[in-house]
Amino acid sequence: MLRIGAVVMNTSDNRRAAQFWREALHYAPRSANPDFLCPQRGEGVRLHLDEDDRTHLDLWVDSEEEQRSEIERLISLGATRVDWTYPDGADFVVLADSEGNLFCVVNTA
């Protein structure tokens, strides 16, 4: 099932932003990456801080098959594929909504 897994927020200073958002939301840094903040209790939407990327949603799915299916469904709803330079082994596909806002469909498997 497609779900919001993370909000990627563009920042000018990840360290300063992380301190603010950790305290504001009572989130904890993910041990592997202190710029990825997670709820301290239970499931919830992560906050990824990024000084280079645009603010956008990461929508998560649990398999490659589900990713393909959801991408086609979203396109049928009016989303469009975005011309993007992907790194090797990318687990995400970049789309734009009907207003041009970017979002990613991420295979978390």
PDB file of N, CA and C in Angstrom:
ATOM      1  N   MET A   1       0.844  -1.171   0.000  1.00  0.00           N
ATOM      2  CA  MET A   1       0.000   0.000   0.000  1.00  0.00           C
ATOM      3  C   MET A   1       0.894   1.240   0.000  1.00  0.00           C
ATOM      4  N   LEU A   2       0.586   2.171  -0.865  1.00  0.00           N
ATOM      5  CA  LEU A   2       1.325   3.422  -0.967  1.00  0.00           C
ATOM      6  C   LEU A   2       1.095   4.247   0.285  1.00  0.00           C
ATOM      7  N   ARG A   3       2.189   4.784   0.851  1.00  0.00           N
ATOM      8  CA  ARG A   3       2.077   5.575   2.075  1.00  0.00           C
ATOM      9  C   ARG A   3       3.175   6.642   2.097  1.00  0.00           C
ATOM     10  N   ILE A   4       2.936   7.705   2.835  1.00  0.00           N
ATOM     11  CA  ILE A   4       3.983   8.713   3.010  1.00  0.00           C
ATOM     12  C   ILE A   4       4.992   8.123   3.981  1.00  0.00           C
ATOM     13  N   GLY A   5       6.212   7.924   3.514  1.00  0.00           N
ATOM     14  CA  GLY A   5       7.266   7.382   4.363  1.00  0.00           C
ATOM     15  C   GLY A   5       8.153   8.466   4.923  1.00  0.00           C
ATOM     16  N   ALA A   6       8.378   9.514   4.110  1.00  0.00           N
ATOM     17  CA  ALA A   6       9.258  10.588   4.557  1.00  0.00           C
ATOM     18  C   ALA A   6       8.907  11.886   3.843  1.00  0.00           C
ATOM     19  N   VAL A   7       9.158  12.961   4.531  1.00  0.00           N
ATOM     20  CA  VAL A   7       9.147  14.285   3.927  1.00  0.00           C
ATOM     21  C   VAL A   7      10.606  14.685   3.821  1.00  0.00           C
ATOM     22  N   VAL A   8      11.027  15.014   2.607  1.00  0.00           N
ATOM     23  CA  VAL A   8      12.398  15.483   2.393  1.00  0.00           C
ATOM     24  C   VAL A   8      12.328  17.006   2.381  1.00  0.00           C
ATOM     25  N   MET A   9      13.061  17.627   3.306  1.00  0.00           N
ATOM     26  CA  MET A   9      12.993  19.070   3.460  1.00  0.00           C
ATOM     27  C   MET A   9      14.325  19.698   3.077  1.00  0.00           C
ATOM     28  N   ASN A  10      14.259  20.648   2.167  1.00  0.00           N
ATOM     29  CA  ASN A  10      15.461  21.381   1.778  1.00  0.00           C
ATOM     30  C   ASN A  10      15.838  22.332   2.904  1.00  0.00           C
ATOM     31  N   THR A  11      17.126  22.328   3.268  1.00  0.00           N
ATOM     32  CA  THR A  11      17.620  23.200   4.332  1.00  0.00           C
ATOM     33  C   THR A  11      18.898  23.894   3.870  1.00  0.00           C
ATOM     34  N   SER A  12      19.244  24.962   4.536  1.00  0.00           N
ATOM     35  CA  SER A  12      20.528  25.601   4.268  1.00  0.00           C
ATOM     36  C   SER A  12      21.581  25.152   5.276  1.00  0.00           C
ATOM     37  N   ASP A  13      21.136  24.561   6.390  1.00  0.00           N
ATOM     38  CA  ASP A  13      22.043  24.098   7.432  1.00  0.00           C
ATOM     39  C   ASP A  13      21.405  22.881   8.114  1.00  0.00           C
ATOM     40  N   ASN A  14      21.793  21.691   7.685  1.00  0.00           N
ATOM     41  CA  ASN A  14      21.179  20.474   8.221  1.00  0.00           C
ATOM     42  C   ASN A  14      21.337  20.359   9.728  1.00  0.00           C
ATOM     43  N   ARG A  15      22.491  20.729  10.244  1.00  0.00           N
ATOM     44  CA  ARG A  15      22.733  20.593  11.682  1.00  0.00           C
ATOM     45  C   ARG A  15      21.756  21.449  12.479  1.00  0.00           C
ATOM     46  N   ARG A  16      21.610  22.693  12.072  1.00  0.00           N
ATOM     47  CA  ARG A  16      20.694  23.606  12.763  1.00  0.00           C
ATOM     48  C   ARG A  16      19.242  23.124  12.616  1.00  0.00           C
ATOM     49  N   ALA A  17      18.868  22.727  11.398  1.00  0.00           N
ATOM     50  CA  ALA A  17      17.502  22.245  11.152  1.00  0.00           C
ATOM     51  C   ALA A  17      17.227  20.979  11.942  1.00  0.00           C
ATOM     52  N   ALA A  18      18.197  20.064  12.001  1.00  0.00           N
ATOM     53  CA  ALA A  18      18.010  18.810  12.737  1.00  0.00           C
ATOM     54  C   ALA A  18      17.772  19.090  14.217  1.00  0.00           C
ATOM     55  N   GLN A  19      18.533  20.019  14.781  1.00  0.00           N
ATOM     56  CA  GLN A  19      18.350  20.356  16.196  1.00  0.00           C
ATOM     57  C   GLN A  19      16.936  20.887  16.435  1.00  0.00           C
ATOM     58  N   PHE A  20      16.487  21.784  15.573  1.00  0.00           N
ATOM     59  CA  PHE A  20      15.145  22.342  15.727  1.00  0.00           C
ATOM     60  C   PHE A  20      14.072  21.264  15.612  1.00  0.00           C
ATOM     61  N   TRP A  21      14.131  20.467  14.535  1.00  0.00           N
ATOM     62  CA  TRP A  21      13.069  19.483  14.288  1.00  0.00           C
ATOM     63  C   TRP A  21      13.100  18.324  15.279  1.00  0.00           C
ATOM     64  N   ARG A  22      14.270  17.951  15.767  1.00  0.00           N
ATOM     65  CA  ARG A  22      14.332  16.921  16.816  1.00  0.00           C
ATOM     66  C   ARG A  22      13.551  17.373  18.037  1.00  0.00           C
ATOM     67  N   GLU A  23      13.779  18.620  18.432  1.00  0.00           N
ATOM     68  CA  GLU A  23      13.105  19.142  19.615  1.00  0.00           C
ATOM     69  C   GLU A  23      11.631  19.437  19.349  1.00  0.00           C
ATOM     70  N   ALA A  24      11.326  19.985  18.185  1.00  0.00           N
ATOM     71  CA  ALA A  24       9.936  20.340  17.876  1.00  0.00           C
ATOM     72  C   ALA A  24       9.035  19.116  17.794  1.00  0.00           C
ATOM     73  N   LEU A  25       9.530  18.043  17.189  1.00  0.00           N
ATOM     74  CA  LEU A  25       8.712  16.853  16.952  1.00  0.00           C
ATOM     75  C   LEU A  25       9.011  15.697  17.909  1.00  0.00           C
ATOM     76  N   HIS A  26      10.014  15.884  18.776  1.00  0.00           N
ATOM     77  CA  HIS A  26      10.468  14.799  19.655  1.00  0.00           C
ATOM     78  C   HIS A  26      10.925  13.601  18.821  1.00  0.00           C
ATOM     79  N   TYR A  27      11.630  13.891  17.740  1.00  0.00           N
ATOM     80  CA  TYR A  27      12.181  12.868  16.868  1.00  0.00           C
ATOM     81  C   TYR A  27      13.619  12.573  17.290  1.00  0.00           C
ATOM     82  N   ALA A  28      14.133  11.437  16.844  1.00  0.00           N
ATOM     83  CA  ALA A  28      15.510  11.046  17.132  1.00  0.00           C
ATOM     84  C   ALA A  28      16.243  10.851  15.814  1.00  0.00           C
ATOM     85  N   PRO A  29      17.534  11.166  15.789  1.00  0.00           N
ATOM     86  CA  PRO A  29      18.289  10.921  14.561  1.00  0.00           C
ATOM     87  C   PRO A  29      18.436   9.421  14.314  1.00  0.00           C
ATOM     88  N   ARG A  30      18.386   9.057  13.070  1.00  0.00           N
ATOM     89  CA  ARG A  30      18.643   7.669  12.691  1.00  0.00           C
ATOM     90  C   ARG A  30      20.138   7.457  12.814  1.00  0.00           C
ATOM     91  N   SER A  31      20.558   6.402  13.466  1.00  0.00           N
ATOM     92  CA  SER A  31      21.977   6.217  13.785  1.00  0.00           C
ATOM     93  C   SER A  31      22.875   6.249  12.555  1.00  0.00           C
ATOM     94  N   ALA A  32      22.414   5.710  11.432  1.00  0.00           N
ATOM     95  CA  ALA A  32      23.246   5.662  10.224  1.00  0.00           C
ATOM     96  C   ALA A  32      23.369   7.029   9.555  1.00  0.00           C
ATOM     97  N   ASN A  33      22.404   7.927   9.779  1.00  0.00           N
ATOM     98  CA  ASN A  33      22.424   9.234   9.136  1.00  0.00           C
ATOM     99  C   ASN A  33      21.715  10.238  10.044  1.00  0.00           C
ATOM    100  N   PRO A  34      22.449  11.135  10.683  1.00  0.00           N
ATOM    101  CA  PRO A  34      21.834  12.083  11.613  1.00  0.00           C
ATOM    102  C   PRO A  34      20.913  13.099  10.940  1.00  0.00           C
ATOM    103  N   ASP A  35      20.930  13.167   9.592  1.00  0.00           N
ATOM    104  CA  ASP A  35      20.040  14.069   8.872  1.00  0.00           C
ATOM    105  C   ASP A  35      18.687  13.414   8.586  1.00  0.00           C
ATOM    106  N   PHE A  36      18.535  12.139   8.959  1.00  0.00           N
ATOM    107  CA  PHE A  36      17.266  11.430   8.842  1.00  0.00           C
ATOM    108  C   PHE A  36      16.688  11.329  10.252  1.00  0.00           C
ATOM    109  N   LEU A  37      15.561  11.974  10.471  1.00  0.00           N
ATOM    110  CA  LEU A  37      14.948  11.993  11.790  1.00  0.00           C
ATOM    111  C   LEU A  37      13.730  11.085  11.805  1.00  0.00           C
ATOM    112  N   CYS A  38      13.573  10.342  12.904  1.00  0.00           N
ATOM    113  CA  CYS A  38      12.502   9.353  13.022  1.00  0.00           C
ATOM    114  C   CYS A  38      11.721   9.571  14.307  1.00  0.00           C
ATOM    115  N   PRO A  39      10.434   9.210  14.276  1.00  0.00           N
ATOM    116  CA  PRO A  39       9.661   9.263  15.519  1.00  0.00           C
ATOM    117  C   PRO A  39      10.309   8.365  16.565  1.00  0.00           C
ATOM    118  N   GLN A  40      10.301   8.802  17.807  1.00  0.00           N
ATOM    119  CA  GLN A  40      10.910   8.007  18.877  1.00  0.00           C
ATOM    120  C   GLN A  40      10.043   6.838  19.287  1.00  0.00           C
ATOM    121  N   ARG A  41       8.739   6.962  19.080  1.00  0.00           N
ATOM    122  CA  ARG A  41       7.818   5.895  19.490  1.00  0.00           C
ATOM    123  C   ARG A  41       7.014   5.438  18.282  1.00  0.00           C
ATOM    124  N   GLY A  42       7.090   4.174  17.977  1.00  0.00           N
ATOM    125  CA  GLY A  42       6.233   3.588  16.952  1.00  0.00           C
ATOM    126  C   GLY A  42       6.497   4.081  15.542  1.00  0.00           C
ATOM    127  N   GLU A  43       5.542   3.791  14.701  1.00  0.00           N
ATOM    128  CA  GLU A  43       5.619   4.143  13.286  1.00  0.00           C
ATOM    129  C   GLU A  43       5.265   5.607  13.083  1.00  0.00           C
ATOM    130  N   GLY A  44       5.745   6.147  12.022  1.00  0.00           N
ATOM    131  CA  GLY A  44       5.406   7.515  11.675  1.00  0.00           C
ATOM    132  C   GLY A  44       6.229   7.973  10.500  1.00  0.00           C
ATOM    133  N   VAL A  45       5.941   9.145  10.039  1.00  0.00           N
ATOM    134  CA  VAL A  45       6.627   9.714   8.884  1.00  0.00           C
ATOM    135  C   VAL A  45       7.995  10.212   9.303  1.00  0.00           C
ATOM    136  N   ARG A  46       9.003   9.832   8.551  1.00  0.00           N
ATOM    137  CA  ARG A  46      10.364  10.325   8.801  1.00  0.00           C
ATOM    138  C   ARG A  46      10.533  11.709   8.201  1.00  0.00           C
ATOM    139  N   LEU A  47      11.515  12.423   8.688  1.00  0.00           N
ATOM    140  CA  LEU A  47      11.894  13.717   8.142  1.00  0.00           C
ATOM    141  C   LEU A  47      13.339  13.608   7.696  1.00  0.00           C
ATOM    142  N   HIS A  48      13.584  13.787   6.398  1.00  0.00           N
ATOM    143  CA  HIS A  48      14.941  13.741   5.853  1.00  0.00           C
ATOM    144  C   HIS A  48      15.358  15.164   5.505  1.00  0.00           C
ATOM    145  N   LEU A  49      16.458  15.610   6.066  1.00  0.00           N
ATOM    146  CA  LEU A  49      16.966  16.959   5.829  1.00  0.00           C
ATOM    147  C   LEU A  49      18.038  16.891   4.753  1.00  0.00           C
ATOM    148  N   ASP A  50      17.956  17.795   3.782  1.00  0.00           N
ATOM    149  CA  ASP A  50      18.855  17.729   2.636  1.00  0.00           C
ATOM    150  C   ASP A  50      19.182  19.138   2.163  1.00  0.00           C
ATOM    151  N   GLU A  51      20.466  19.442   2.091  1.00  0.00           N
ATOM    152  CA  GLU A  51      20.898  20.767   1.656  1.00  0.00           C
ATOM    153  C   GLU A  51      20.919  20.909   0.140  1.00  0.00           C
ATOM    154  N   ASP A  52      20.762  19.801  -0.598  1.00  0.00           N
ATOM    155  CA  ASP A  52      20.851  19.844  -2.052  1.00  0.00           C
ATOM    156  C   ASP A  52      19.522  19.594  -2.762  1.00  0.00           C
ATOM    157  N   ASP A  53      18.676  18.769  -2.192  1.00  0.00           N
ATOM    158  CA  ASP A  53      17.445  18.350  -2.857  1.00  0.00           C
ATOM    159  C   ASP A  53      16.302  19.312  -2.565  1.00  0.00           C
ATOM    160  N   ARG A  54      15.293  19.298  -3.435  1.00  0.00           N
ATOM    161  CA  ARG A  54      14.093  20.101  -3.225  1.00  0.00           C
ATOM    162  C   ARG A  54      13.189  19.425  -2.207  1.00  0.00           C
ATOM    163  N   THR A  55      12.366  20.218  -1.548  1.00  0.00           N
ATOM    164  CA  THR A  55      11.392  19.668  -0.623  1.00  0.00           C
ATOM    165  C   THR A  55      10.383  18.833  -1.410  1.00  0.00           C
ATOM    166  N   HIS A  56      10.138  17.619  -0.932  1.00  0.00           N
ATOM    167  CA  HIS A  56       9.209  16.717  -1.619  1.00  0.00           C
ATOM    168  C   HIS A  56       8.788  15.575  -0.699  1.00  0.00           C
ATOM    169  N   LEU A  57       7.788  14.828  -1.106  1.00  0.00           N
ATOM    170  CA  LEU A  57       7.353  13.635  -0.380  1.00  0.00           C
ATOM    171  C   LEU A  57       8.044  12.406  -0.945  1.00  0.00           C
ATOM    172  N   ASP A  58       8.398  11.478  -0.076  1.00  0.00           N
ATOM    173  CA  ASP A  58       8.809  10.133  -0.475  1.00  0.00           C
ATOM    174  C   ASP A  58       7.641   9.217  -0.139  1.00  0.00           C
ATOM    175  N   LEU A  59       7.052   8.615  -1.155  1.00  0.00           N
ATOM    176  CA  LEU A  59       5.954   7.674  -0.970  1.00  0.00           C
ATOM    177  C   LEU A  59       6.534   6.278  -1.035  1.00  0.00           C
ATOM    178  N   TRP A  60       6.277   5.467  -0.020  1.00  0.00           N
ATOM    179  CA  TRP A  60       6.909   4.155   0.100  1.00  0.00           C
ATOM    180  C   TRP A  60       5.972   3.036  -0.313  1.00  0.00           C
ATOM    181  N   VAL A  61       6.567   2.023  -0.936  1.00  0.00           N
ATOM    182  CA  VAL A  61       5.899   0.764  -1.256  1.00  0.00           C
ATOM    183  C   VAL A  61       6.818  -0.363  -0.816  1.00  0.00           C
ATOM    184  N   ASP A  62       6.293  -1.590  -0.800  1.00  0.00           N
ATOM    185  CA  ASP A  62       7.040  -2.712  -0.234  1.00  0.00           C
ATOM    186  C   ASP A  62       7.657  -3.666  -1.239  1.00  0.00           C
ATOM    187  N   SER A  63       7.514  -3.406  -2.537  1.00  0.00           N
ATOM    188  CA  SER A  63       8.102  -4.305  -3.531  1.00  0.00           C
ATOM    189  C   SER A  63       8.235  -3.596  -4.868  1.00  0.00           C
ATOM    190  N   GLU A  64       9.046  -4.164  -5.737  1.00  0.00           N
ATOM    191  CA  GLU A  64       9.225  -3.609  -7.077  1.00  0.00           C
ATOM    192  C   GLU A  64       7.920  -3.697  -7.869  1.00  0.00           C
ATOM    193  N   GLU A  65       7.206  -4.801  -7.711  1.00  0.00           N
ATOM    194  CA  GLU A  65       5.926  -4.969  -8.399  1.00  0.00           C
ATOM    195  C   GLU A  65       4.923  -3.909  -7.954  1.00  0.00           C
ATOM    196  N   GLU A  66       4.854  -3.675  -6.645  1.00  0.00           N
ATOM    197  CA  GLU A  66       3.956  -2.653  -6.123  1.00  0.00           C
ATOM    198  C   GLU A  66       4.372  -1.267  -6.605  1.00  0.00           C
ATOM    199  N   GLN A  67       5.675  -1.027  -6.702  1.00  0.00           N
ATOM    200  CA  GLN A  67       6.169   0.251  -7.192  1.00  0.00           C
ATOM    201  C   GLN A  67       5.685   0.493  -8.623  1.00  0.00           C
ATOM    202  N   ARG A  68       5.852  -0.505  -9.498  1.00  0.00           N
ATOM    203  CA  ARG A  68       5.408  -0.368 -10.887  1.00  0.00           C
ATOM    204  C   ARG A  68       3.900  -0.108 -10.951  1.00  0.00           C
ATOM    205  N   SER A  69       3.140  -0.871 -10.178  1.00  0.00           N
ATOM    206  CA  SER A  69       1.692  -0.736 -10.178  1.00  0.00           C
ATOM    207  C   SER A  69       1.254   0.645  -9.692  1.00  0.00           C
ATOM    208  N   GLU A  70       1.853   1.123  -8.611  1.00  0.00           N
ATOM    209  CA  GLU A  70       1.487   2.436  -8.073  1.00  0.00           C
ATOM    210  C   GLU A  70       1.891   3.566  -9.009  1.00  0.00           C
ATOM    211  N   ILE A  71       3.032   3.435  -9.656  1.00  0.00           N
ATOM    212  CA  ILE A  71       3.457   4.464 -10.613  1.00  0.00           C
ATOM    213  C   ILE A  71       2.446   4.569 -11.742  1.00  0.00           C
ATOM    214  N   GLU A  72       2.024   3.432 -12.275  1.00  0.00           N
ATOM    215  CA  GLU A  72       1.026   3.451 -13.347  1.00  0.00           C
ATOM    216  C   GLU A  72      -0.301   4.029 -12.854  1.00  0.00           C
ATOM    217  N   ARG A  73      -0.707   3.689 -11.641  1.00  0.00           N
ATOM    218  CA  ARG A  73      -1.941   4.219 -11.067  1.00  0.00           C
ATOM    219  C   ARG A  73      -1.847   5.734 -10.911  1.00  0.00           C
ATOM    220  N   LEU A  74      -0.711   6.209 -10.398  1.00  0.00           N
ATOM    221  CA  LEU A  74      -0.529   7.646 -10.199  1.00  0.00           C
ATOM    222  C   LEU A  74      -0.513   8.393 -11.531  1.00  0.00           C
ATOM    223  N   ILE A  75       0.100   7.800 -12.536  1.00  0.00           N
ATOM    224  CA  ILE A  75       0.098   8.415 -13.868  1.00  0.00           C
ATOM    225  C   ILE A  75      -1.331   8.491 -14.401  1.00  0.00           C
ATOM    226  N   SER A  76      -2.122   7.449 -14.153  1.00  0.00           N
ATOM    227  CA  SER A  76      -3.523   7.481 -14.614  1.00  0.00           C
ATOM    228  C   SER A  76      -4.327   8.575 -13.902  1.00  0.00           C
ATOM    229  N   LEU A  77      -3.865   8.984 -12.723  1.00  0.00           N
ATOM    230  CA  LEU A  77      -4.527  10.050 -11.972  1.00  0.00           C
ATOM    231  C   LEU A  77      -4.052  11.444 -12.376  1.00  0.00           C
ATOM    232  N   GLY A  78      -3.013  11.509 -13.227  1.00  0.00           N
ATOM    233  CA  GLY A  78      -2.530  12.803 -13.691  1.00  0.00           C
ATOM    234  C   GLY A  78      -1.075  13.100 -13.383  1.00  0.00           C
ATOM    235  N   ALA A  79      -0.393  12.201 -12.694  1.00  0.00           N
ATOM    236  CA  ALA A  79       1.042  12.395 -12.444  1.00  0.00           C
ATOM    237  C   ALA A  79       1.806  12.210 -13.757  1.00  0.00           C
ATOM    238  N   THR A  80       3.001  12.763 -13.810  1.00  0.00           N
ATOM    239  CA  THR A  80       3.866  12.587 -14.984  1.00  0.00           C
ATOM    240  C   THR A  80       5.256  12.155 -14.530  1.00  0.00           C
ATOM    241  N   ARG A  81       5.915  11.396 -15.399  1.00  0.00           N
ATOM    242  CA  ARG A  81       7.305  11.011 -15.128  1.00  0.00           C
ATOM    243  C   ARG A  81       8.189  12.236 -15.322  1.00  0.00           C
ATOM    244  N   VAL A  82       9.207  12.352 -14.489  1.00  0.00           N
ATOM    245  CA  VAL A  82      10.139  13.471 -14.552  1.00  0.00           C
ATOM    246  C   VAL A  82      11.459  12.952 -15.117  1.00  0.00           C
ATOM    247  N   ASP A  83      12.017  13.699 -16.064  1.00  0.00           N
ATOM    248  CA  ASP A  83      13.333  13.357 -16.610  1.00  0.00           C
ATOM    249  C   ASP A  83      14.356  13.576 -15.497  1.00  0.00           C
ATOM    250  N   TRP A  84      14.971  12.501 -15.019  1.00  0.00           N
ATOM    251  CA  TRP A  84      15.824  12.553 -13.843  1.00  0.00           C
ATOM    252  C   TRP A  84      17.068  11.724 -14.092  1.00  0.00           C
ATOM    253  N   THR A  85      18.198  12.160 -13.583  1.00  0.00           N
ATOM    254  CA  THR A  85      19.432  11.378 -13.633  1.00  0.00           C
ATOM    255  C   THR A  85      19.488  10.543 -12.366  1.00  0.00           C
ATOM    256  N   TYR A  86      19.307   9.237 -12.528  1.00  0.00           N
ATOM    257  CA  TYR A  86      19.254   8.328 -11.386  1.00  0.00           C
ATOM    258  C   TYR A  86      20.625   7.737 -11.098  1.00  0.00           C
ATOM    259  N   PRO A  87      20.980   7.567  -9.826  1.00  0.00           N
ATOM    260  CA  PRO A  87      22.220   6.869  -9.481  1.00  0.00           C
ATOM    261  C   PRO A  87      22.050   5.372  -9.759  1.00  0.00           C
ATOM    262  N   ASP A  88      23.156   4.671  -9.889  1.00  0.00           N
ATOM    263  CA  ASP A  88      23.099   3.220 -10.065  1.00  0.00           C
ATOM    264  C   ASP A  88      22.345   2.595  -8.905  1.00  0.00           C
ATOM    265  N   GLY A  89      21.471   1.653  -9.225  1.00  0.00           N
ATOM    266  CA  GLY A  89      20.737   0.929  -8.199  1.00  0.00           C
ATOM    267  C   GLY A  89      19.659   1.741  -7.500  1.00  0.00           C
ATOM    268  N   ALA A  90      19.209   2.814  -8.119  1.00  0.00           N
ATOM    269  CA  ALA A  90      18.192   3.671  -7.490  1.00  0.00           C
ATOM    270  C   ALA A  90      16.947   2.861  -7.150  1.00  0.00           C
ATOM    271  N   ASP A  91      16.405   3.096  -5.964  1.00  0.00           N
ATOM    272  CA  ASP A  91      15.192   2.404  -5.523  1.00  0.00           C
ATOM    273  C   ASP A  91      13.971   3.315  -5.617  1.00  0.00           C
ATOM    274  N   PHE A  92      14.102   4.448  -6.301  1.00  0.00           N
ATOM    275  CA  PHE A  92      13.028   5.433  -6.377  1.00  0.00           C
ATOM    276  C   PHE A  92      12.790   5.860  -7.823  1.00  0.00           C
ATOM    277  N   VAL A  93      11.577   6.342  -8.063  1.00  0.00           N
ATOM    278  CA  VAL A  93      11.201   6.924  -9.349  1.00  0.00           C
ATOM    279  C   VAL A  93      10.614   8.292  -9.052  1.00  0.00           C
ATOM    280  N   VAL A  94      11.057   9.304  -9.803  1.00  0.00           N
ATOM    281  CA  VAL A  94      10.595  10.672  -9.582  1.00  0.00           C
ATOM    282  C   VAL A  94       9.415  10.969 -10.508  1.00  0.00           C
ATOM    283  N   LEU A  95       8.340  11.442  -9.898  1.00  0.00           N
ATOM    284  CA  LEU A  95       7.142  11.853 -10.622  1.00  0.00           C
ATOM    285  C   LEU A  95       6.798  13.279 -10.219  1.00  0.00           C
ATOM    286  N   ALA A  96       5.893  13.880 -10.975  1.00  0.00           N
ATOM    287  CA  ALA A  96       5.344  15.187 -10.618  1.00  0.00           C
ATOM    288  C   ALA A  96       3.833  15.054 -10.558  1.00  0.00           C
ATOM    289  N   ASP A  97       3.221  15.739  -9.600  1.00  0.00           N
ATOM    290  CA  ASP A  97       1.759  15.716  -9.514  1.00  0.00           C
ATOM    291  C   ASP A  97       1.171  16.660 -10.558  1.00  0.00           C
ATOM    292  N   SER A  98      -0.128  16.802 -10.543  1.00  0.00           N
ATOM    293  CA  SER A  98      -0.815  17.618 -11.550  1.00  0.00           C
ATOM    294  C   SER A  98      -0.452  19.101 -11.473  1.00  0.00           C
ATOM    295  N   GLU A  99       0.169  19.528 -10.370  1.00  0.00           N
ATOM    296  CA  GLU A  99       0.598  20.914 -10.197  1.00  0.00           C
ATOM    297  C   GLU A  99       2.089  21.100 -10.428  1.00  0.00           C
ATOM    298  N   GLY A 100       2.782  20.002 -10.763  1.00  0.00           N
ATOM    299  CA  GLY A 100       4.228  20.080 -10.999  1.00  0.00           C
ATOM    300  C   GLY A 100       5.082  19.847  -9.775  1.00  0.00           C
ATOM    301  N   ASN A 101       4.465  19.510  -8.644  1.00  0.00           N
ATOM    302  CA  ASN A 101       5.237  19.226  -7.426  1.00  0.00           C
ATOM    303  C   ASN A 101       5.873  17.849  -7.546  1.00  0.00           C
ATOM    304  N   LEU A 102       7.166  17.782  -7.280  1.00  0.00           N
ATOM    305  CA  LEU A 102       7.872  16.516  -7.377  1.00  0.00           C
ATOM    306  C   LEU A 102       7.597  15.626  -6.166  1.00  0.00           C
ATOM    307  N   PHE A 103       7.618  14.325  -6.400  1.00  0.00           N
ATOM    308  CA  PHE A 103       7.569  13.332  -5.339  1.00  0.00           C
ATOM    309  C   PHE A 103       8.238  12.066  -5.838  1.00  0.00           C
ATOM    310  N   CYS A 104       8.643  11.215  -4.925  1.00  0.00           N
ATOM    311  CA  CYS A 104       9.310   9.963  -5.282  1.00  0.00           C
ATOM    312  C   CYS A 104       8.464   8.784  -4.833  1.00  0.00           C
ATOM    313  N   VAL A 105       8.474   7.726  -5.640  1.00  0.00           N
ATOM    314  CA  VAL A 105       7.888   6.452  -5.234  1.00  0.00           C
ATOM    315  C   VAL A 105       9.069   5.543  -4.957  1.00  0.00           C
ATOM    316  N   VAL A 106       9.245   5.153  -3.698  1.00  0.00           N
ATOM    317  CA  VAL A 106      10.421   4.449  -3.230  1.00  0.00           C
ATOM    318  C   VAL A 106      10.074   3.000  -2.906  1.00  0.00           C
ATOM    319  N   ASN A 107      10.840   2.064  -3.477  1.00  0.00           N
ATOM    320  CA  ASN A 107      10.708   0.650  -3.151  1.00  0.00           C
ATOM    321  C   ASN A 107      11.564   0.395  -1.916  1.00  0.00           C
ATOM    322  N   THR A 108      10.928   0.114  -0.786  1.00  0.00           N
ATOM    323  CA  THR A 108      11.649  -0.057   0.475  1.00  0.00           C
ATOM    324  C   THR A 108      12.135  -1.491   0.701  1.00  0.00           C
ATOM    325  N   ALA A 109      11.816  -2.391  -0.225  1.00  0.00           N
ATOM    326  CA  ALA A 109      12.223  -3.807  -0.055  1.00  0.00           C
ATOM    327  C   ALA A 109      13.728  -3.968  -0.188  1.00  0.00           C
TER     328      ALA A 109
END
